[in-house]
Amino acid sequence: FILGMPRSGTTLVEQILGAHSVIG
């Protein structure tokens, strides 16, 4: 679960983790 205030960088973290082969 990725948490944080809006515009805090949560989408960035989601995209970074999503580049991993086992993460959707």
PDB file of all heavy atoms in Angstrom:
ATOM      1  N   PHE A   1       0.848  -1.188   0.000  1.00  0.00           N
ATOM      2  CA  PHE A   1       0.000   0.000   0.000  1.00  0.00           C
ATOM      3  C   PHE A   1       0.889   1.246   0.000  1.00  0.00           C
ATOM      4  O   PHE A   1       1.742   1.404   0.884  1.00  0.00           O
ATOM      5  CB  PHE A   1      -0.920  -0.004   1.219  1.00  0.00           C
ATOM      6  CG  PHE A   1      -1.911  -1.131   1.215  1.00  0.00           C
ATOM      7  CD1 PHE A   1      -1.589  -2.360   1.782  1.00  0.00           C
ATOM      8  CD2 PHE A   1      -3.155  -0.981   0.617  1.00  0.00           C
ATOM      9  CE1 PHE A   1      -2.485  -3.419   1.755  1.00  0.00           C
ATOM     10  CE2 PHE A   1      -4.064  -2.034   0.584  1.00  0.00           C
ATOM     11  CZ  PHE A   1      -3.728  -3.251   1.165  1.00  0.00           C
ATOM     12  N   ILE A   2       0.700   2.096  -1.004  1.00  0.00           N
ATOM     13  CA  ILE A   2       1.475   3.336  -1.106  1.00  0.00           C
ATOM     14  C   ILE A   2       0.611   4.469  -0.567  1.00  0.00           C
ATOM     15  O   ILE A   2      -0.509   4.681  -1.022  1.00  0.00           O
ATOM     16  CB  ILE A   2       1.894   3.603  -2.558  1.00  0.00           C
ATOM     17  CG1 ILE A   2       2.748   2.440  -3.086  1.00  0.00           C
ATOM     18  CG2 ILE A   2       2.671   4.917  -2.660  1.00  0.00           C
ATOM     19  CD1 ILE A   2       3.085   2.546  -4.562  1.00  0.00           C
ATOM     20  N   LEU A   3       1.144   5.187   0.401  1.00  0.00           N
ATOM     21  CA  LEU A   3       0.402   6.239   1.085  1.00  0.00           C
ATOM     22  C   LEU A   3       1.126   7.572   0.971  1.00  0.00           C
ATOM     23  O   LEU A   3       2.306   7.625   0.621  1.00  0.00           O
ATOM     24  CB  LEU A   3       0.228   5.875   2.562  1.00  0.00           C
ATOM     25  CG  LEU A   3      -0.380   4.504   2.888  1.00  0.00           C
ATOM     26  CD1 LEU A   3      -0.314   4.235   4.382  1.00  0.00           C
ATOM     27  CD2 LEU A   3      -1.811   4.427   2.384  1.00  0.00           C
ATOM     28  N   GLY A   4       0.428   8.644   1.314  1.00  0.00           N
ATOM     29  CA  GLY A   4       1.025   9.977   1.294  1.00  0.00           C
ATOM     30  C   GLY A   4      -0.017  11.010   0.888  1.00  0.00           C
ATOM     31  O   GLY A   4      -1.063  10.664   0.330  1.00  0.00           O
ATOM     32  N   MET A   5       0.255  12.255   1.165  1.00  0.00           N
ATOM     33  CA  MET A   5      -0.625  13.320   0.714  1.00  0.00           C
ATOM     34  C   MET A   5      -0.618  13.396  -0.817  1.00  0.00           C
ATOM     35  O   MET A   5       0.353  12.990  -1.465  1.00  0.00           O
ATOM     36  CB  MET A   5      -0.159  14.669   1.281  1.00  0.00           C
ATOM     37  CG  MET A   5      -0.568  14.926   2.709  1.00  0.00           C
ATOM     38  SD  MET A   5      -2.331  15.344   2.885  1.00  0.00           S
ATOM     39  CE  MET A   5      -2.371  17.042   2.267  1.00  0.00           C
ATOM     40  N   PRO A   6      -1.693  13.910  -1.432  1.00  0.00           N
ATOM     41  CA  PRO A   6      -1.646  14.140  -2.877  1.00  0.00           C
ATOM     42  C   PRO A   6      -0.441  14.995  -3.243  1.00  0.00           C
ATOM     43  O   PRO A   6      -0.056  15.898  -2.495  1.00  0.00           O
ATOM     44  CB  PRO A   6      -2.955  14.906  -3.151  1.00  0.00           C
ATOM     45  CG  PRO A   6      -3.862  14.535  -2.030  1.00  0.00           C
ATOM     46  CD  PRO A   6      -2.981  14.346  -0.835  1.00  0.00           C
ATOM     47  N   ARG A   7       0.172  14.693  -4.385  1.00  0.00           N
ATOM     48  CA  ARG A   7       1.317  15.449  -4.915  1.00  0.00           C
ATOM     49  C   ARG A   7       2.569  15.313  -4.048  1.00  0.00           C
ATOM     50  O   ARG A   7       3.448  16.176  -4.048  1.00  0.00           O
ATOM     51  CB  ARG A   7       0.976  16.933  -5.087  1.00  0.00           C
ATOM     52  CG  ARG A   7      -0.298  17.204  -5.846  1.00  0.00           C
ATOM     53  CD  ARG A   7      -0.235  16.708  -7.274  1.00  0.00           C
ATOM     54  NE  ARG A   7       0.694  17.483  -8.083  1.00  0.00           N
ATOM     55  CZ  ARG A   7       1.166  17.108  -9.272  1.00  0.00           C
ATOM     56  NH1 ARG A   7       0.808  15.947  -9.780  1.00  0.00           N
ATOM     57  NH2 ARG A   7       1.981  17.887  -9.939  1.00  0.00           N
ATOM     58  N   SER A   8       2.657  14.203  -3.292  1.00  0.00           N
ATOM     59  CA  SER A   8       3.826  14.001  -2.435  1.00  0.00           C
ATOM     60  C   SER A   8       4.872  13.095  -3.081  1.00  0.00           C
ATOM     61  O   SER A   8       5.965  12.923  -2.541  1.00  0.00           O
ATOM     62  CB  SER A   8       3.404  13.396  -1.089  1.00  0.00           C
ATOM     63  OG  SER A   8       2.812  12.119  -1.282  1.00  0.00           O
ATOM     64  N   GLY A   9       4.549  12.480  -4.220  1.00  0.00           N
ATOM     65  CA  GLY A   9       5.478  11.580  -4.894  1.00  0.00           C
ATOM     66  C   GLY A   9       5.002  10.140  -4.913  1.00  0.00           C
ATOM     67  O   GLY A   9       5.775   9.234  -5.257  1.00  0.00           O
ATOM     68  N   THR A  10       3.738   9.915  -4.572  1.00  0.00           N
ATOM     69  CA  THR A  10       3.227   8.541  -4.517  1.00  0.00           C
ATOM     70  C   THR A  10       3.172   7.882  -5.896  1.00  0.00           C
ATOM     71  O   THR A  10       3.455   6.694  -6.026  1.00  0.00           O
ATOM     72  CB  THR A  10       1.830   8.504  -3.865  1.00  0.00           C
ATOM     73  OG1 THR A  10       0.958   9.412  -4.554  1.00  0.00           O
ATOM     74  CG2 THR A  10       1.918   8.917  -2.401  1.00  0.00           C
ATOM     75  N   THR A  11       2.804   8.647  -6.928  1.00  0.00           N
ATOM     76  CA  THR A  11       2.760   8.079  -8.276  1.00  0.00           C
ATOM     77  C   THR A  11       4.164   7.718  -8.744  1.00  0.00           C
ATOM     78  O   THR A  11       4.362   6.694  -9.418  1.00  0.00           O
ATOM     79  CB  THR A  11       2.108   9.060  -9.267  1.00  0.00           C
ATOM     80  OG1 THR A  11       0.796   9.390  -8.809  1.00  0.00           O
ATOM     81  CG2 THR A  11       2.006   8.448 -10.656  1.00  0.00           C
ATOM     82  N   LEU A  12       5.144   8.524  -8.383  1.00  0.00           N
ATOM     83  CA  LEU A  12       6.542   8.228  -8.716  1.00  0.00           C
ATOM     84  C   LEU A  12       6.956   6.896  -8.102  1.00  0.00           C
ATOM     85  O   LEU A  12       7.535   6.036  -8.783  1.00  0.00           O
ATOM     86  CB  LEU A  12       7.443   9.356  -8.220  1.00  0.00           C
ATOM     87  CG  LEU A  12       8.954   9.138  -8.385  1.00  0.00           C
ATOM     88  CD1 LEU A  12       9.317   9.041  -9.862  1.00  0.00           C
ATOM     89  CD2 LEU A  12       9.733  10.257  -7.711  1.00  0.00           C
ATOM     90  N   VAL A  13       6.665   6.703  -6.827  1.00  0.00           N
ATOM     91  CA  VAL A  13       7.026   5.452  -6.152  1.00  0.00           C
ATOM     92  C   VAL A  13       6.287   4.273  -6.782  1.00  0.00           C
ATOM     93  O   VAL A  13       6.855   3.195  -6.985  1.00  0.00           O
ATOM     94  CB  VAL A  13       6.733   5.547  -4.635  1.00  0.00           C
ATOM     95  CG1 VAL A  13       6.871   4.193  -3.959  1.00  0.00           C
ATOM     96  CG2 VAL A  13       7.661   6.556  -3.977  1.00  0.00           C
ATOM     97  N   GLU A  14       5.024   4.474  -7.110  1.00  0.00           N
ATOM     98  CA  GLU A  14       4.244   3.420  -7.764  1.00  0.00           C
ATOM     99  C   GLU A  14       4.898   3.011  -9.083  1.00  0.00           C
ATOM    100  O   GLU A  14       5.037   1.815  -9.373  1.00  0.00           O
ATOM    101  CB  GLU A  14       2.822   3.922  -8.025  1.00  0.00           C
ATOM    102  CG  GLU A  14       1.954   2.931  -8.789  1.00  0.00           C
ATOM    103  CD  GLU A  14       0.660   3.560  -9.281  1.00  0.00           C
ATOM    104  OE1 GLU A  14       0.718   4.669  -9.873  1.00  0.00           O
ATOM    105  OE2 GLU A  14      -0.401   2.956  -9.080  1.00  0.00           O
ATOM    106  N   GLN A  15       5.307   3.989  -9.889  1.00  0.00           N
ATOM    107  CA  GLN A  15       5.930   3.699 -11.179  1.00  0.00           C
ATOM    108  C   GLN A  15       7.271   2.995 -11.011  1.00  0.00           C
ATOM    109  O   GLN A  15       7.607   2.083 -11.763  1.00  0.00           O
ATOM    110  CB  GLN A  15       6.114   4.993 -11.972  1.00  0.00           C
ATOM    111  CG  GLN A  15       4.840   5.524 -12.587  1.00  0.00           C
ATOM    112  CD  GLN A  15       4.311   4.600 -13.670  1.00  0.00           C
ATOM    113  OE1 GLN A  15       3.396   3.821 -13.426  1.00  0.00           O
ATOM    114  NE2 GLN A  15       4.877   4.667 -14.854  1.00  0.00           N
ATOM    115  N   ILE A  16       8.037   3.432 -10.031  1.00  0.00           N
ATOM    116  CA  ILE A  16       9.347   2.807  -9.774  1.00  0.00           C
ATOM    117  C   ILE A  16       9.156   1.342  -9.399  1.00  0.00           C
ATOM    118  O   ILE A  16       9.805   0.449  -9.964  1.00  0.00           O
ATOM    119  CB  ILE A  16      10.088   3.559  -8.649  1.00  0.00           C
ATOM    120  CG1 ILE A  16      10.506   4.958  -9.129  1.00  0.00           C
ATOM    121  CG2 ILE A  16      11.320   2.778  -8.184  1.00  0.00           C
ATOM    122  CD1 ILE A  16      10.984   5.875  -8.015  1.00  0.00           C
ATOM    123  N   LEU A  17       8.269   1.086  -8.455  1.00  0.00           N
ATOM    124  CA  LEU A  17       8.048  -0.294  -8.015  1.00  0.00           C
ATOM    125  C   LEU A  17       7.447  -1.137  -9.138  1.00  0.00           C
ATOM    126  O   LEU A  17       7.762  -2.322  -9.278  1.00  0.00           O
ATOM    127  CB  LEU A  17       7.140  -0.321  -6.792  1.00  0.00           C
ATOM    128  CG  LEU A  17       7.732   0.258  -5.500  1.00  0.00           C
ATOM    129  CD1 LEU A  17       6.704   0.219  -4.375  1.00  0.00           C
ATOM    130  CD2 LEU A  17       8.994  -0.503  -5.092  1.00  0.00           C
ATOM    131  N   GLY A  18       6.582  -0.526  -9.958  1.00  0.00           N
ATOM    132  CA  GLY A  18       5.947  -1.251 -11.045  1.00  0.00           C
ATOM    133  C   GLY A  18       6.909  -1.711 -12.125  1.00  0.00           C
ATOM    134  O   GLY A  18       6.562  -2.567 -12.954  1.00  0.00           O
ATOM    135  N   ALA A  19       8.122  -1.158 -12.133  1.00  0.00           N
ATOM    136  CA  ALA A  19       9.134  -1.597 -13.098  1.00  0.00           C
ATOM    137  C   ALA A  19       9.755  -2.928 -12.692  1.00  0.00           C
ATOM    138  O   ALA A  19      10.456  -3.567 -13.486  1.00  0.00           O
ATOM    139  CB  ALA A  19      10.228  -0.527 -13.222  1.00  0.00           C
ATOM    140  N   HIS A  20       9.497  -3.362 -11.454  1.00  0.00           N
ATOM    141  CA  HIS A  20      10.006  -4.652 -10.971  1.00  0.00           C
ATOM    142  C   HIS A  20       9.187  -5.780 -11.594  1.00  0.00           C
ATOM    143  O   HIS A  20       7.972  -5.672 -11.745  1.00  0.00           O
ATOM    144  CB  HIS A  20       9.920  -4.708  -9.445  1.00  0.00           C
ATOM    145  CG  HIS A  20      10.763  -5.774  -8.823  1.00  0.00           C
ATOM    146  ND1 HIS A  20      10.412  -7.101  -8.862  1.00  0.00           N
ATOM    147  CD2 HIS A  20      11.952  -5.720  -8.154  1.00  0.00           C
ATOM    148  CE1 HIS A  20      11.328  -7.817  -8.234  1.00  0.00           C
ATOM    149  NE2 HIS A  20      12.281  -7.000  -7.797  1.00  0.00           N
ATOM    150  N   SER A  21       9.835  -6.880 -11.909  1.00  0.00           N
ATOM    151  CA  SER A  21       9.178  -7.959 -12.652  1.00  0.00           C
ATOM    152  C   SER A  21       8.048  -8.641 -11.895  1.00  0.00           C
ATOM    153  O   SER A  21       7.149  -9.225 -12.521  1.00  0.00           O
ATOM    154  CB  SER A  21      10.211  -9.012 -13.063  1.00  0.00           C
ATOM    155  OG  SER A  21      10.813  -9.598 -11.910  1.00  0.00           O
ATOM    156  N   VAL A  22       8.037  -8.596 -10.565  1.00  0.00           N
ATOM    157  CA  VAL A  22       6.989  -9.307  -9.815  1.00  0.00           C
ATOM    158  C   VAL A  22       5.896  -8.380  -9.305  1.00  0.00           C
ATOM    159  O   VAL A  22       4.963  -8.819  -8.647  1.00  0.00           O
ATOM    160  CB  VAL A  22       7.578 -10.103  -8.614  1.00  0.00           C
ATOM    161  CG1 VAL A  22       8.647 -11.061  -9.077  1.00  0.00           C
ATOM    162  CG2 VAL A  22       8.099  -9.179  -7.522  1.00  0.00           C
ATOM    163  N   ILE A  23       6.023  -7.066  -9.606  1.00  0.00           N
ATOM    164  CA  ILE A  23       5.074  -6.098  -9.052  1.00  0.00           C
ATOM    165  C   ILE A  23       4.142  -5.558 -10.132  1.00  0.00           C
ATOM    166  O   ILE A  23       4.579  -5.152 -11.208  1.00  0.00           O
ATOM    167  CB  ILE A  23       5.821  -4.925  -8.374  1.00  0.00           C
ATOM    168  CG1 ILE A  23       6.652  -5.421  -7.204  1.00  0.00           C
ATOM    169  CG2 ILE A  23       4.823  -3.866  -7.888  1.00  0.00           C
ATOM    170  CD1 ILE A  23       7.442  -4.331  -6.493  1.00  0.00           C
ATOM    171  N   GLY A  24       2.861  -5.534  -9.830  1.00  0.00           N
ATOM    172  CA  GLY A  24       1.867  -4.906 -10.686  1.00  0.00           C
ATOM    173  C   GLY A  24       1.254  -3.722  -9.977  1.00  0.00           C
ATOM    174  O   GLY A  24       1.206  -3.685  -8.745  1.00  0.00           O
TER     175      GLY A  24
END
